């Protein structure tokens, strides 16, 4: 997964250093489409992953957000999240998990209902 994220991060790096693709709103859209969507899709799978692996993913996300707004490496990530209106990843993960639980519980024929009952 890290290799895939690195390739997509390279796309953002290339676009952010060109004169025609440098505006922040466009780069944020590209970040959300290429990187965050992939992370969001796998949220359910890596909820209980090792902290070391989650930190690697989080570092890649932080780099992508910094590149999107043209922030420095020393910029605090909390400030960058405020500028981009991004919620912290742990809260985003919980939000996505709760949405998944609600959708699964709504469909009574879903085979994941038993697993959801043990989660809730």
PDB file of N, CA and C in Angstrom:
ATOM      1  N   UNK A   1       0.820  -1.183   0.000  1.00  0.00           N
ATOM      2  CA  UNK A   1       0.000   0.000   0.000  1.00  0.00           C
ATOM      3  C   UNK A   1       0.869   1.254   0.000  1.00  0.00           C
ATOM      4  N   UNK A   2       1.995   1.167   0.692  1.00  0.00           N
ATOM      5  CA  UNK A   2       2.875   2.335   0.739  1.00  0.00           C
ATOM      6  C   UNK A   2       3.422   2.663  -0.644  1.00  0.00           C
ATOM      7  N   UNK A   3       3.747   1.642  -1.433  1.00  0.00           N
ATOM      8  CA  UNK A   3       4.245   1.891  -2.787  1.00  0.00           C
ATOM      9  C   UNK A   3       3.196   2.592  -3.633  1.00  0.00           C
ATOM     10  N   UNK A   4       1.962   2.138  -3.514  1.00  0.00           N
ATOM     11  CA  UNK A   4       0.873   2.761  -4.261  1.00  0.00           C
ATOM     12  C   UNK A   4       0.684   4.215  -3.844  1.00  0.00           C
ATOM     13  N   UNK A   5       0.745   4.464  -2.532  1.00  0.00           N
ATOM     14  CA  UNK A   5       0.600   5.840  -2.055  1.00  0.00           C
ATOM     15  C   UNK A   5       1.772   6.704  -2.500  1.00  0.00           C
ATOM     16  N   UNK A   6       2.969   6.131  -2.519  1.00  0.00           N
ATOM     17  CA  UNK A   6       4.141   6.896  -2.952  1.00  0.00           C
ATOM     18  C   UNK A   6       4.023   7.299  -4.416  1.00  0.00           C
ATOM     19  N   UNK A   7       3.497   6.408  -5.239  1.00  0.00           N
ATOM     20  CA  UNK A   7       3.301   6.746  -6.652  1.00  0.00           C
ATOM     21  C   UNK A   7       2.304   7.884  -6.801  1.00  0.00           C
ATOM     22  N   UNK A   8       1.230   7.830  -6.043  1.00  0.00           N
ATOM     23  CA  UNK A   8       0.227   8.893  -6.129  1.00  0.00           C
ATOM     24  C   UNK A   8       0.742  10.190  -5.518  1.00  0.00           C
ATOM     25  N   UNK A   9       1.578  10.067  -4.508  1.00  0.00           N
ATOM     26  CA  UNK A   9       2.198  11.247  -3.914  1.00  0.00           C
ATOM     27  C   UNK A   9       3.146  11.906  -4.911  1.00  0.00           C
ATOM     28  N   UNK A  10       3.819  11.104  -5.709  1.00  0.00           N
ATOM     29  CA  UNK A  10       4.696  11.654  -6.750  1.00  0.00           C
ATOM     30  C   UNK A  10       3.906  12.456  -7.776  1.00  0.00           C
ATOM     31  N   UNK A  11       2.691  12.029  -8.069  1.00  0.00           N
ATOM     32  CA  UNK A  11       1.844  12.791  -8.998  1.00  0.00           C
ATOM     33  C   UNK A  11       1.557  14.171  -8.422  1.00  0.00           C
ATOM     34  N   UNK A  12       1.228  14.216  -7.138  1.00  0.00           N
ATOM     35  CA  UNK A  12       0.962  15.509  -6.503  1.00  0.00           C
ATOM     36  C   UNK A  12       2.227  16.361  -6.492  1.00  0.00           C
ATOM     37  N   UNK A  13       3.385  15.743  -6.236  1.00  0.00           N
ATOM     38  CA  UNK A  13       4.645  16.493  -6.240  1.00  0.00           C
ATOM     39  C   UNK A  13       4.907  17.110  -7.601  1.00  0.00           C
ATOM     40  N   UNK A  14       4.708  16.339  -8.649  1.00  0.00           N
ATOM     41  CA  UNK A  14       4.963  16.836 -10.002  1.00  0.00           C
ATOM     42  C   UNK A  14       4.026  17.985 -10.336  1.00  0.00           C
ATOM     43  N   UNK A  15       2.758  17.814 -10.031  1.00  0.00           N
ATOM     44  CA  UNK A  15       1.786  18.863 -10.353  1.00  0.00           C
ATOM     45  C   UNK A  15       2.028  20.111  -9.510  1.00  0.00           C
ATOM     46  N   UNK A  16       2.427  19.932  -8.252  1.00  0.00           N
ATOM     47  CA  UNK A  16       2.603  21.098  -7.379  1.00  0.00           C
ATOM     48  C   UNK A  16       3.807  21.940  -7.778  1.00  0.00           C
ATOM     49  N   UNK A  17       4.749  21.376  -8.499  1.00  0.00           N
ATOM     50  CA  UNK A  17       5.928  22.138  -8.904  1.00  0.00           C
ATOM     51  C   UNK A  17       5.811  22.730 -10.298  1.00  0.00           C
ATOM     52  N   UNK A  18       4.676  22.589 -10.927  1.00  0.00           N
ATOM     53  CA  UNK A  18       4.483  23.194 -12.245  1.00  0.00           C
ATOM     54  C   UNK A  18       3.762  24.521 -12.092  1.00  0.00           C
ATOM     55  N   UNK A  19       3.874  25.347 -13.092  1.00  0.00           N
ATOM     56  CA  UNK A  19       3.243  26.671 -13.009  1.00  0.00           C
ATOM     57  C   UNK A  19       1.734  26.587 -13.241  1.00  0.00           C
ATOM     58  N   UNK A  20       1.248  25.583 -13.968  1.00  0.00           N
ATOM     59  CA  UNK A  20      -0.167  25.519 -14.301  1.00  0.00           C
ATOM     60  C   UNK A  20      -0.992  24.728 -13.304  1.00  0.00           C
ATOM     61  N   UNK A  21      -0.394  23.980 -12.403  1.00  0.00           N
ATOM     62  CA  UNK A  21      -1.185  23.147 -11.505  1.00  0.00           C
ATOM     63  C   UNK A  21      -0.973  23.468 -10.051  1.00  0.00           C
ATOM     64  N   UNK A  22      -0.519  24.652  -9.762  1.00  0.00           N
ATOM     65  CA  UNK A  22      -0.063  24.937  -8.417  1.00  0.00           C
ATOM     66  C   UNK A  22      -1.140  25.466  -7.468  1.00  0.00           C
ATOM     67  N   UNK A  23      -2.313  25.782  -7.907  1.00  0.00           N
ATOM     68  CA  UNK A  23      -3.278  26.363  -6.974  1.00  0.00           C
ATOM     69  C   UNK A  23      -3.791  25.303  -5.994  1.00  0.00           C
ATOM     70  N   UNK A  24      -3.948  25.717  -4.758  1.00  0.00           N
ATOM     71  CA  UNK A  24      -4.270  24.801  -3.663  1.00  0.00           C
ATOM     72  C   UNK A  24      -5.596  24.065  -3.821  1.00  0.00           C
ATOM     73  N   UNK A  25      -6.680  24.727  -4.237  1.00  0.00           N
ATOM     74  CA  UNK A  25      -7.939  23.977  -4.364  1.00  0.00           C
ATOM     75  C   UNK A  25      -7.837  22.793  -5.334  1.00  0.00           C
ATOM     76  N   UNK A  26      -7.134  22.987  -6.430  1.00  0.00           N
ATOM     77  CA  UNK A  26      -6.971  21.892  -7.393  1.00  0.00           C
ATOM     78  C   UNK A  26      -6.146  20.764  -6.798  1.00  0.00           C
ATOM     79  N   UNK A  27      -5.066  21.111  -6.112  1.00  0.00           N
ATOM     80  CA  UNK A  27      -4.225  20.081  -5.507  1.00  0.00           C
ATOM     81  C   UNK A  27      -4.952  19.345  -4.382  1.00  0.00           C
ATOM     82  N   UNK A  28      -5.797  20.044  -3.655  1.00  0.00           N
ATOM     83  CA  UNK A  28      -6.575  19.373  -2.608  1.00  0.00           C
ATOM     84  C   UNK A  28      -7.578  18.393  -3.199  1.00  0.00           C
ATOM     85  N   UNK A  29      -8.177  18.759  -4.310  1.00  0.00           N
ATOM     86  CA  UNK A  29      -9.100  17.836  -4.984  1.00  0.00           C
ATOM     87  C   UNK A  29      -8.345  16.600  -5.461  1.00  0.00           C
ATOM     88  N   UNK A  30      -7.171  16.808  -6.032  1.00  0.00           N
ATOM     89  CA  UNK A  30      -6.361  15.673  -6.492  1.00  0.00           C
ATOM     90  C   UNK A  30      -5.965  14.794  -5.309  1.00  0.00           C
ATOM     91  N   UNK A  31      -5.598  15.406  -4.192  1.00  0.00           N
ATOM     92  CA  UNK A  31      -5.261  14.651  -2.978  1.00  0.00           C
ATOM     93  C   UNK A  31      -6.450  13.809  -2.525  1.00  0.00           C
ATOM     94  N   UNK A  32      -7.629  14.407  -2.501  1.00  0.00           N
ATOM     95  CA  UNK A  32      -8.816  13.686  -2.037  1.00  0.00           C
ATOM     96  C   UNK A  32      -9.187  12.548  -2.977  1.00  0.00           C
ATOM     97  N   UNK A  33      -9.004  12.769  -4.267  1.00  0.00           N
ATOM     98  CA  UNK A  33      -9.372  11.740  -5.248  1.00  0.00           C
ATOM     99  C   UNK A  33      -8.351  10.606  -5.281  1.00  0.00           C
ATOM    100  N   UNK A  34      -7.072  10.942  -5.288  1.00  0.00           N
ATOM    101  CA  UNK A  34      -6.049   9.915  -5.455  1.00  0.00           C
ATOM    102  C   UNK A  34      -5.669   9.199  -4.163  1.00  0.00           C
ATOM    103  N   UNK A  35      -5.510   9.941  -3.097  1.00  0.00           N
ATOM    104  CA  UNK A  35      -4.932   9.359  -1.889  1.00  0.00           C
ATOM    105  C   UNK A  35      -5.980   9.101  -0.811  1.00  0.00           C
ATOM    106  N   UNK A  36      -6.721  10.123  -0.437  1.00  0.00           N
ATOM    107  CA  UNK A  36      -7.653   9.953   0.675  1.00  0.00           C
ATOM    108  C   UNK A  36      -8.759   8.959   0.353  1.00  0.00           C
ATOM    109  N   UNK A  37      -9.195   8.906  -0.894  1.00  0.00           N
ATOM    110  CA  UNK A  37     -10.254   7.958  -1.249  1.00  0.00           C
ATOM    111  C   UNK A  37      -9.795   6.517  -1.053  1.00  0.00           C
ATOM    112  N   UNK A  38      -8.538   6.245  -1.368  1.00  0.00           N
ATOM    113  CA  UNK A  38      -8.018   4.891  -1.191  1.00  0.00           C
ATOM    114  C   UNK A  38      -7.923   4.536   0.295  1.00  0.00           C
ATOM    115  N   UNK A  39      -7.500   5.486   1.101  1.00  0.00           N
ATOM    116  CA  UNK A  39      -7.418   5.258   2.540  1.00  0.00           C
ATOM    117  C   UNK A  39      -8.820   5.063   3.119  1.00  0.00           C
ATOM    118  N   UNK A  40      -9.760   5.889   2.692  1.00  0.00           N
ATOM    119  CA  UNK A  40     -11.131   5.777   3.190  1.00  0.00           C
ATOM    120  C   UNK A  40     -11.747   4.434   2.824  1.00  0.00           C
ATOM    121  N   UNK A  41     -11.450   3.953   1.629  1.00  0.00           N
ATOM    122  CA  UNK A  41     -12.022   2.693   1.175  1.00  0.00           C
ATOM    123  C   UNK A  41     -11.562   1.533   2.060  1.00  0.00           C
ATOM    124  N   UNK A  42     -10.323   1.586   2.519  1.00  0.00           N
ATOM    125  CA  UNK A  42      -9.786   0.494   3.324  1.00  0.00           C
ATOM    126  C   UNK A  42      -9.869   0.707   4.819  1.00  0.00           C
ATOM    127  N   UNK A  43     -10.606   1.716   5.256  1.00  0.00           N
ATOM    128  CA  UNK A  43     -10.671   2.036   6.683  1.00  0.00           C
ATOM    129  C   UNK A  43     -11.130   0.851   7.517  1.00  0.00           C
ATOM    130  N   UNK A  44     -12.105   0.137   7.054  1.00  0.00           N
ATOM    131  CA  UNK A  44     -12.652  -0.984   7.810  1.00  0.00           C
ATOM    132  C   UNK A  44     -11.608  -2.088   7.956  1.00  0.00           C
ATOM    133  N   UNK A  45     -10.785  -2.255   6.945  1.00  0.00           N
ATOM    134  CA  UNK A  45      -9.799  -3.325   6.975  1.00  0.00           C
ATOM    135  C   UNK A  45      -8.631  -3.032   7.905  1.00  0.00           C
ATOM    136  N   UNK A  46      -8.205  -1.799   7.956  1.00  0.00           N
ATOM    137  CA  UNK A  46      -7.021  -1.513   8.759  1.00  0.00           C
ATOM    138  C   UNK A  46      -7.333  -0.814  10.078  1.00  0.00           C
ATOM    139  N   UNK A  47      -8.558  -0.948  10.554  1.00  0.00           N
ATOM    140  CA  UNK A  47      -8.923  -0.325  11.828  1.00  0.00           C
ATOM    141  C   UNK A  47      -8.056  -0.839  12.971  1.00  0.00           C
ATOM    142  N   UNK A  48      -7.783  -2.111  13.005  1.00  0.00           N
ATOM    143  CA  UNK A  48      -6.994  -2.703  14.083  1.00  0.00           C
ATOM    144  C   UNK A  48      -5.564  -3.007  13.654  1.00  0.00           C
ATOM    145  N   UNK A  49      -5.066  -2.274  12.687  1.00  0.00           N
ATOM    146  CA  UNK A  49      -3.703  -2.503  12.205  1.00  0.00           C
ATOM    147  C   UNK A  49      -2.684  -2.041  13.241  1.00  0.00           C
ATOM    148  N   UNK A  50      -1.470  -2.477  13.042  1.00  0.00           N
ATOM    149  CA  UNK A  50      -0.363  -2.101  13.908  1.00  0.00           C
ATOM    150  C   UNK A  50      -0.147  -0.588  13.846  1.00  0.00           C
ATOM    151  N   UNK A  51       0.158   0.012  14.982  1.00  0.00           N
ATOM    152  CA  UNK A  51       0.371   1.463  15.061  1.00  0.00           C
ATOM    153  C   UNK A  51       1.504   1.897  14.136  1.00  0.00           C
ATOM    154  N   UNK A  52       2.520   1.083  14.014  1.00  0.00           N
ATOM    155  CA  UNK A  52       3.660   1.409  13.144  1.00  0.00           C
ATOM    156  C   UNK A  52       3.195   1.587  11.699  1.00  0.00           C
ATOM    157  N   UNK A  53       2.347   0.693  11.236  1.00  0.00           N
ATOM    158  CA  UNK A  53       1.846   0.775   9.863  1.00  0.00           C
ATOM    159  C   UNK A  53       0.908   1.969   9.685  1.00  0.00           C
ATOM    160  N   UNK A  54       0.099   2.227  10.686  1.00  0.00           N
ATOM    161  CA  UNK A  54      -0.798   3.385  10.611  1.00  0.00           C
ATOM    162  C   UNK A  54      -0.014   4.691  10.592  1.00  0.00           C
ATOM    163  N   UNK A  55       1.095   4.744  11.322  1.00  0.00           N
ATOM    164  CA  UNK A  55       1.932   5.948  11.316  1.00  0.00           C
ATOM    165  C   UNK A  55       2.577   6.180   9.956  1.00  0.00           C
ATOM    166  N   UNK A  56       2.939   5.108   9.269  1.00  0.00           N
ATOM    167  CA  UNK A  56       3.504   5.242   7.922  1.00  0.00           C
ATOM    168  C   UNK A  56       2.466   5.849   6.986  1.00  0.00           C
ATOM    169  N   UNK A  57       1.253   5.346   7.055  1.00  0.00           N
ATOM    170  CA  UNK A  57       0.173   5.881   6.217  1.00  0.00           C
ATOM    171  C   UNK A  57      -0.097   7.336   6.574  1.00  0.00           C
ATOM    172  N   UNK A  58      -0.115   7.628   7.874  1.00  0.00           N
ATOM    173  CA  UNK A  58      -0.385   8.996   8.310  1.00  0.00           C
ATOM    174  C   UNK A  58       0.694   9.962   7.832  1.00  0.00           C
ATOM    175  N   UNK A  59       1.941   9.526   7.836  1.00  0.00           N
ATOM    176  CA  UNK A  59       3.029  10.371   7.349  1.00  0.00           C
ATOM    177  C   UNK A  59       2.838  10.707   5.879  1.00  0.00           C
ATOM    178  N   UNK A  60       2.450   9.720   5.095  1.00  0.00           N
ATOM    179  CA  UNK A  60       2.212   9.959   3.669  1.00  0.00           C
ATOM    180  C   UNK A  60       1.053  10.937   3.466  1.00  0.00           C
ATOM    181  N   UNK A  61       0.004  10.789   4.262  1.00  0.00           N
ATOM    182  CA  UNK A  61      -1.128  11.715   4.163  1.00  0.00           C
ATOM    183  C   UNK A  61      -0.709  13.138   4.526  1.00  0.00           C
ATOM    184  N   UNK A  62       0.099  13.265   5.568  1.00  0.00           N
ATOM    185  CA  UNK A  62       0.565  14.590   5.976  1.00  0.00           C
ATOM    186  C   UNK A  62       1.404  15.248   4.885  1.00  0.00           C
ATOM    187  N   UNK A  63       2.253  14.471   4.242  1.00  0.00           N
ATOM    188  CA  UNK A  63       3.073  15.008   3.150  1.00  0.00           C
ATOM    189  C   UNK A  63       2.181  15.483   2.010  1.00  0.00           C
ATOM    190  N   UNK A  64       1.171  14.696   1.688  1.00  0.00           N
ATOM    191  CA  UNK A  64       0.271  15.067   0.588  1.00  0.00           C
ATOM    192  C   UNK A  64      -0.481  16.356   0.893  1.00  0.00           C
ATOM    193  N   UNK A  65      -0.946  16.506   2.127  1.00  0.00           N
ATOM    194  CA  UNK A  65      -1.667  17.732   2.493  1.00  0.00           C
ATOM    195  C   UNK A  65      -0.728  18.929   2.447  1.00  0.00           C
ATOM    196  N   UNK A  66       0.494  18.758   2.951  1.00  0.00           N
ATOM    197  CA  UNK A  66       1.467  19.862   2.925  1.00  0.00           C
ATOM    198  C   UNK A  66       1.774  20.288   1.500  1.00  0.00           C
ATOM    199  N   UNK A  67       1.963  19.319   0.631  1.00  0.00           N
ATOM    200  CA  UNK A  67       2.238  19.651  -0.773  1.00  0.00           C
ATOM    201  C   UNK A  67       1.052  20.355  -1.414  1.00  0.00           C
ATOM    202  N   UNK A  68      -0.148  19.965  -1.019  1.00  0.00           N
ATOM    203  CA  UNK A  68      -1.346  20.538  -1.626  1.00  0.00           C
ATOM    204  C   UNK A  68      -1.502  22.022  -1.338  1.00  0.00           C
ATOM    205  N   UNK A  69      -1.099  22.438  -0.149  1.00  0.00           N
ATOM    206  CA  UNK A  69      -1.247  23.858   0.176  1.00  0.00           C
ATOM    207  C   UNK A  69       0.070  24.610   0.092  1.00  0.00           C
ATOM    208  N   UNK A  70       1.154  23.911  -0.239  1.00  0.00           N
ATOM    209  CA  UNK A  70       2.453  24.567  -0.334  1.00  0.00           C
ATOM    210  C   UNK A  70       3.062  24.863   1.019  1.00  0.00           C
ATOM    211  N   UNK A  71       2.745  24.057   2.017  1.00  0.00           N
ATOM    212  CA  UNK A  71       3.264  24.267   3.367  1.00  0.00           C
ATOM    213  C   UNK A  71       4.685  23.761   3.514  1.00  0.00           C
ATOM    214  N   UNK A  72       5.376  24.285   4.499  1.00  0.00           N
ATOM    215  CA  UNK A  72       6.734  23.849   4.801  1.00  0.00           C
ATOM    216  C   UNK A  72       6.706  22.550   5.589  1.00  0.00           C
ATOM    217  N   UNK A  73       7.831  21.834   5.582  1.00  0.00           N
ATOM    218  CA  UNK A  73       7.913  20.593   6.347  1.00  0.00           C
ATOM    219  C   UNK A  73       7.780  20.846   7.838  1.00  0.00           C
ATOM    220  N   UNK A  74       8.176  22.029   8.262  1.00  0.00           N
ATOM    221  CA  UNK A  74       8.122  22.347   9.691  1.00  0.00           C
ATOM    222  C   UNK A  74       6.753  22.854  10.141  1.00  0.00           C
ATOM    223  N   UNK A  75       5.821  23.009   9.216  1.00  0.00           N
ATOM    224  CA  UNK A  75       4.483  23.493   9.579  1.00  0.00           C
ATOM    225  C   UNK A  75       3.760  22.447  10.418  1.00  0.00           C
ATOM    226  N   UNK A  76       3.149  22.860  11.516  1.00  0.00           N
ATOM    227  CA  UNK A  76       2.407  21.892  12.335  1.00  0.00           C
ATOM    228  C   UNK A  76       1.224  21.320  11.552  1.00  0.00           C
ATOM    229  N   UNK A  77       1.057  20.021  11.650  1.00  0.00           N
ATOM    230  CA  UNK A  77       0.022  19.356  10.865  1.00  0.00           C
ATOM    231  C   UNK A  77      -1.373  19.781  11.312  1.00  0.00           C
ATOM    232  N   UNK A  78      -1.537  20.134  12.586  1.00  0.00           N
ATOM    233  CA  UNK A  78      -2.848  20.591  13.055  1.00  0.00           C
ATOM    234  C   UNK A  78      -3.248  21.886  12.355  1.00  0.00           C
ATOM    235  N   UNK A  79      -2.282  22.777  12.170  1.00  0.00           N
ATOM    236  CA  UNK A  79      -2.562  24.038  11.467  1.00  0.00           C
ATOM    237  C   UNK A  79      -2.914  23.780  10.011  1.00  0.00           C
ATOM    238  N   UNK A  80      -2.212  22.850   9.407  1.00  0.00           N
ATOM    239  CA  UNK A  80      -2.477  22.530   8.001  1.00  0.00           C
ATOM    240  C   UNK A  80      -3.862  21.908   7.858  1.00  0.00           C
ATOM    241  N   UNK A  81      -4.240  21.055   8.804  1.00  0.00           N
ATOM    242  CA  UNK A  81      -5.587  20.471   8.754  1.00  0.00           C
ATOM    243  C   UNK A  81      -6.655  21.540   8.913  1.00  0.00           C
ATOM    244  N   UNK A  82      -6.394  22.531   9.754  1.00  0.00           N
ATOM    245  CA  UNK A  82      -7.355  23.626   9.913  1.00  0.00           C
ATOM    246  C   UNK A  82      -7.495  24.425   8.631  1.00  0.00           C
ATOM    247  N   UNK A  83      -6.393  24.678   7.961  1.00  0.00           N
ATOM    248  CA  UNK A  83      -6.430  25.438   6.712  1.00  0.00           C
ATOM    249  C   UNK A  83      -7.218  24.693   5.647  1.00  0.00           C
ATOM    250  N   UNK A  84      -7.046  23.377   5.597  1.00  0.00           N
ATOM    251  CA  UNK A  84      -7.687  22.574   4.552  1.00  0.00           C
ATOM    252  C   UNK A  84      -9.046  22.018   4.968  1.00  0.00           C
ATOM    253  N   UNK A  85      -9.491  22.324   6.178  1.00  0.00           N
ATOM    254  CA  UNK A  85     -10.763  21.809   6.705  1.00  0.00           C
ATOM    255  C   UNK A  85     -10.803  20.284   6.752  1.00  0.00           C
ATOM    256  N   UNK A  86      -9.676  19.676   7.064  1.00  0.00           N
ATOM    257  CA  UNK A  86      -9.593  18.223   7.215  1.00  0.00           C
ATOM    258  C   UNK A  86      -9.752  17.879   8.689  1.00  0.00           C
ATOM    259  N   UNK A  87     -10.528  16.844   8.967  1.00  0.00           N
ATOM    260  CA  UNK A  87     -10.633  16.406  10.354  1.00  0.00           C
ATOM    261  C   UNK A  87      -9.488  15.431  10.632  1.00  0.00           C
ATOM    262  N   UNK A  88      -9.089  15.276  11.889  1.00  0.00           N
ATOM    263  CA  UNK A  88      -8.000  14.343  12.203  1.00  0.00           C
ATOM    264  C   UNK A  88      -8.339  12.930  11.737  1.00  0.00           C
ATOM    265  N   UNK A  89      -7.331  12.175  11.335  1.00  0.00           N
ATOM    266  CA  UNK A  89      -7.582  10.850  10.759  1.00  0.00           C
ATOM    267  C   UNK A  89      -8.288   9.882  11.703  1.00  0.00           C
ATOM    268  N   UNK A  90      -8.011   9.954  12.993  1.00  0.00           N
ATOM    269  CA  UNK A  90      -8.690   9.028  13.900  1.00  0.00           C
ATOM    270  C   UNK A  90     -10.182   9.329  13.985  1.00  0.00           C
ATOM    271  N   UNK A  91     -10.546  10.607  13.959  1.00  0.00           N
ATOM    272  CA  UNK A  91     -11.969  10.962  13.949  1.00  0.00           C
ATOM    273  C   UNK A  91     -12.616  10.605  12.617  1.00  0.00           C
ATOM    274  N   UNK A  92     -11.882  10.795  11.529  1.00  0.00           N
ATOM    275  CA  UNK A  92     -12.406  10.434  10.208  1.00  0.00           C
ATOM    276  C   UNK A  92     -12.636   8.929  10.120  1.00  0.00           C
ATOM    277  N   UNK A  93     -11.706   8.171  10.683  1.00  0.00           N
ATOM    278  CA  UNK A  93     -11.836   6.718  10.675  1.00  0.00           C
ATOM    279  C   UNK A  93     -13.075   6.286  11.454  1.00  0.00           C
ATOM    280  N   UNK A  94     -13.282   6.872  12.630  1.00  0.00           N
ATOM    281  CA  UNK A  94     -14.463   6.542  13.427  1.00  0.00           C
ATOM    282  C   UNK A  94     -15.749   6.924  12.696  1.00  0.00           C
ATOM    283  N   UNK A  95     -15.737   8.078  12.056  1.00  0.00           N
ATOM    284  CA  UNK A  95     -16.916   8.523  11.302  1.00  0.00           C
ATOM    285  C   UNK A  95     -17.244   7.535  10.185  1.00  0.00           C
ATOM    286  N   UNK A  96     -16.232   7.122   9.438  1.00  0.00           N
ATOM    287  CA  UNK A  96     -16.459   6.183   8.339  1.00  0.00           C
ATOM    288  C   UNK A  96     -16.915   4.821   8.854  1.00  0.00           C
ATOM    289  N   UNK A  97     -16.356   4.383   9.981  1.00  0.00           N
ATOM    290  CA  UNK A  97     -16.788   3.107  10.554  1.00  0.00           C
ATOM    291  C   UNK A  97     -18.237   3.159  11.023  1.00  0.00           C
ATOM    292  N   UNK A  98     -18.623   4.266  11.630  1.00  0.00           N
ATOM    293  CA  UNK A  98     -20.015   4.401  12.065  1.00  0.00           C
ATOM    294  C   UNK A  98     -20.970   4.454  10.879  1.00  0.00           C
ATOM    295  N   UNK A  99     -20.577   5.151   9.821  1.00  0.00           N
ATOM    296  CA  UNK A  99     -21.413   5.178   8.618  1.00  0.00           C
ATOM    297  C   UNK A  99     -21.560   3.783   8.020  1.00  0.00           C
ATOM    298  N   UNK A 100     -20.469   3.013   8.026  1.00  0.00           N
ATOM    299  CA  UNK A 100     -20.523   1.646   7.520  1.00  0.00           C
ATOM    300  C   UNK A 100     -21.454   0.792   8.381  1.00  0.00           C
ATOM    301  N   UNK A 101     -21.358   0.954   9.694  1.00  0.00           N
ATOM    302  CA  UNK A 101     -22.233   0.193  10.592  1.00  0.00           C
ATOM    303  C   UNK A 101     -23.698   0.517  10.340  1.00  0.00           C
ATOM    304  N   UNK A 102     -24.010   1.782  10.163  1.00  0.00           N
ATOM    305  CA  UNK A 102     -25.398   2.189   9.918  1.00  0.00           C
ATOM    306  C   UNK A 102     -25.905   1.606   8.606  1.00  0.00           C
ATOM    307  N   UNK A 103     -25.087   1.684   7.553  1.00  0.00           N
ATOM    308  CA  UNK A 103     -25.509   1.126   6.261  1.00  0.00           C
ATOM    309  C   UNK A 103     -25.705  -0.377   6.341  1.00  0.00           C
ATOM    310  N   UNK A 104     -24.830  -1.045   7.077  1.00  0.00           N
ATOM    311  CA  UNK A 104     -24.928  -2.497   7.199  1.00  0.00           C
ATOM    312  C   UNK A 104     -26.154  -2.894   8.013  1.00  0.00           C
ATOM    313  N   UNK A 105     -26.411  -2.182   9.099  1.00  0.00           N
ATOM    314  CA  UNK A 105     -27.571  -2.500   9.929  1.00  0.00           C
ATOM    315  C   UNK A 105     -28.884  -2.223   9.208  1.00  0.00           C
ATOM    316  N   UNK A 106     -28.870  -1.252   8.308  1.00  0.00           N
ATOM    317  CA  UNK A 106     -30.083  -0.924   7.564  1.00  0.00           C
ATOM    318  C   UNK A 106     -30.477  -2.060   6.628  1.00  0.00           C
ATOM    319  N   UNK A 107     -29.500  -2.767   6.088  1.00  0.00           N
ATOM    320  CA  UNK A 107     -29.753  -3.881   5.184  1.00  0.00           C
ATOM    321  C   UNK A 107     -29.705  -5.174   6.001  1.00  0.00           C
ATOM    322  N   UNK A 108     -30.842  -5.728   6.303  1.00  0.00           N
ATOM    323  CA  UNK A 108     -30.899  -6.909   7.165  1.00  0.00           C
ATOM    324  C   UNK A 108     -30.349  -8.162   6.498  1.00  0.00           C
ATOM    325  N   UNK A 109     -30.257  -8.173   5.185  1.00  0.00           N
ATOM    326  CA  UNK A 109     -29.742  -9.341   4.474  1.00  0.00           C
ATOM    327  C   UNK A 109     -28.223  -9.329   4.346  1.00  0.00           C
ATOM    328  N   UNK A 110     -27.585  -8.300   4.826  1.00  0.00           N
ATOM    329  CA  UNK A 110     -26.137  -8.189   4.709  1.00  0.00           C
ATOM    330  C   UNK A 110     -25.457  -9.199   5.632  1.00  0.00           C
ATOM    331  N   UNK A 111     -24.542 -10.014   5.094  1.00  0.00           N
ATOM    332  CA  UNK A 111     -23.878 -11.012   5.930  1.00  0.00           C
ATOM    333  C   UNK A 111     -22.965 -10.408   7.003  1.00  0.00           C
ATOM    334  N   UNK A 112     -22.632  -9.155   6.881  1.00  0.00           N
ATOM    335  CA  UNK A 112     -21.751  -8.515   7.868  1.00  0.00           C
ATOM    336  C   UNK A 112     -22.498  -8.084   9.122  1.00  0.00           C
ATOM    337  N   UNK A 113     -23.805  -8.282   9.163  1.00  0.00           N
ATOM    338  CA  UNK A 113     -24.592  -7.862  10.327  1.00  0.00           C
ATOM    339  C   UNK A 113     -24.124  -8.521  11.623  1.00  0.00           C
ATOM    340  N   UNK A 114     -23.749  -9.793  11.564  1.00  0.00           N
ATOM    341  CA  UNK A 114     -23.292 -10.483  12.773  1.00  0.00           C
ATOM    342  C   UNK A 114     -22.009  -9.851  13.305  1.00  0.00           C
ATOM    343  N   UNK A 115     -21.110  -9.525  12.407  1.00  0.00           N
ATOM    344  CA  UNK A 115     -19.858  -8.888  12.832  1.00  0.00           C
ATOM    345  C   UNK A 115     -20.115  -7.500  13.395  1.00  0.00           C
ATOM    346  N   UNK A 116     -21.055  -6.792  12.807  1.00  0.00           N
ATOM    347  CA  UNK A 116     -21.390  -5.451  13.287  1.00  0.00           C
ATOM    348  C   UNK A 116     -21.983  -5.528  14.687  1.00  0.00           C
ATOM    349  N   UNK A 117     -22.796  -6.546  14.942  1.00  0.00           N
ATOM    350  CA  UNK A 117     -23.395  -6.698  16.274  1.00  0.00           C
ATOM    351  C   UNK A 117     -22.325  -6.887  17.346  1.00  0.00           C
ATOM    352  N   UNK A 118     -21.262  -7.604  17.025  1.00  0.00           N
ATOM    353  CA  UNK A 118     -20.191  -7.780  18.004  1.00  0.00           C
ATOM    354  C   UNK A 118     -19.359  -6.510  18.148  1.00  0.00           C
ATOM    355  N   UNK A 119     -19.293  -5.706  17.106  1.00  0.00           N
ATOM    356  CA  UNK A 119     -18.526  -4.454  17.161  1.00  0.00           C
ATOM    357  C   UNK A 119     -19.239  -3.416  18.011  1.00  0.00           C
ATOM    358  N   UNK A 120     -20.561  -3.366  17.867  1.00  0.00           N
ATOM    359  CA  UNK A 120     -21.353  -2.370  18.600  1.00  0.00           C
ATOM    360  C   UNK A 120     -21.617  -2.915  19.960  1.00  0.00           C
TER     361      UNK A 120
END
